[in-house]
Amino acid sequence: MVGAKTPLLQPDHTLADYIKAPIMKLVLSDYQSKQLSALSGSQFP
C-alpha cells in the first residue's frame, strides 16, 4: 500500500489514526468477545 509506505504524504492518515486504529480494533474485538460470551452464557446456562 502506498499510504503505508508514505504516511507523511497522506494528510488523511495522521499519527493519531495510526495509534487509534489498532486500539479501536482491540476494543471492538474485546467488546465482541464479551458479547459472544454473554450470548452463549444466556443460551447455554
Protein backbone atom coordinates (compact mmCIF):
# COMPACT_ATOMS: atom_id res chain seq x y z
CA MET A 1 0.00 0.00 0.00
CA VAL A 2 1.29 3.43 -0.93
CA GLY A 3 -0.28 5.03 2.15
CA ALA A 4 1.65 2.71 4.44
CA LYS A 5 4.94 3.46 2.70
CA THR A 6 4.44 7.24 2.67
CA PRO A 7 2.39 8.17 5.75
CA LEU A 8 3.70 11.75 5.75
CA LEU A 9 2.33 12.31 2.24
CA GLN A 10 -1.16 11.17 3.23
CA PRO A 11 -2.92 14.05 5.02
CA ASP A 12 -5.96 11.92 5.80
CA HIS A 13 -3.83 9.45 7.77
CA THR A 14 -2.39 11.19 10.81
CA LEU A 15 -0.26 9.77 13.60
CA ALA A 16 -3.35 9.66 15.80
CA ASP A 17 -5.11 7.48 13.22
CA TYR A 18 -2.22 5.01 13.21
CA ILE A 19 -2.38 4.90 17.01
CA LYS A 20 -6.17 4.76 17.29
CA ALA A 21 -6.80 2.12 14.63
CA PRO A 22 -5.17 -0.84 16.48
CA ILE A 23 -6.62 0.33 19.80
CA MET A 24 -10.13 0.52 18.36
CA LYS A 25 -9.69 -2.94 16.85
CA LEU A 26 -8.63 -4.29 20.24
CA VAL A 27 -11.56 -2.59 21.97
CA LEU A 28 -14.05 -3.81 19.38
CA SER A 29 -12.71 -7.37 19.41
CA ASP A 30 -12.78 -7.39 23.22
CA TYR A 31 -16.33 -6.00 23.20
CA GLN A 32 -17.45 -8.55 20.62
CA SER A 33 -15.89 -11.43 22.56
CA LYS A 34 -17.69 -10.25 25.69
CA GLN A 35 -20.95 -10.04 23.74
CA LEU A 36 -20.46 -13.54 22.34
CA SER A 37 -19.63 -14.95 25.78
CA ALA A 38 -22.70 -13.21 27.22
CA LEU A 39 -24.90 -14.54 24.42
CA SER A 40 -23.56 -18.08 24.74
CA GLY A 41 -23.92 -17.82 28.51
CA SER A 42 -27.58 -16.85 28.20
CA GLN A 43 -28.25 -19.52 25.57
CA PHE A 44 -26.39 -22.26 27.45
CA PRO A 45 -26.66 -21.57 31.19
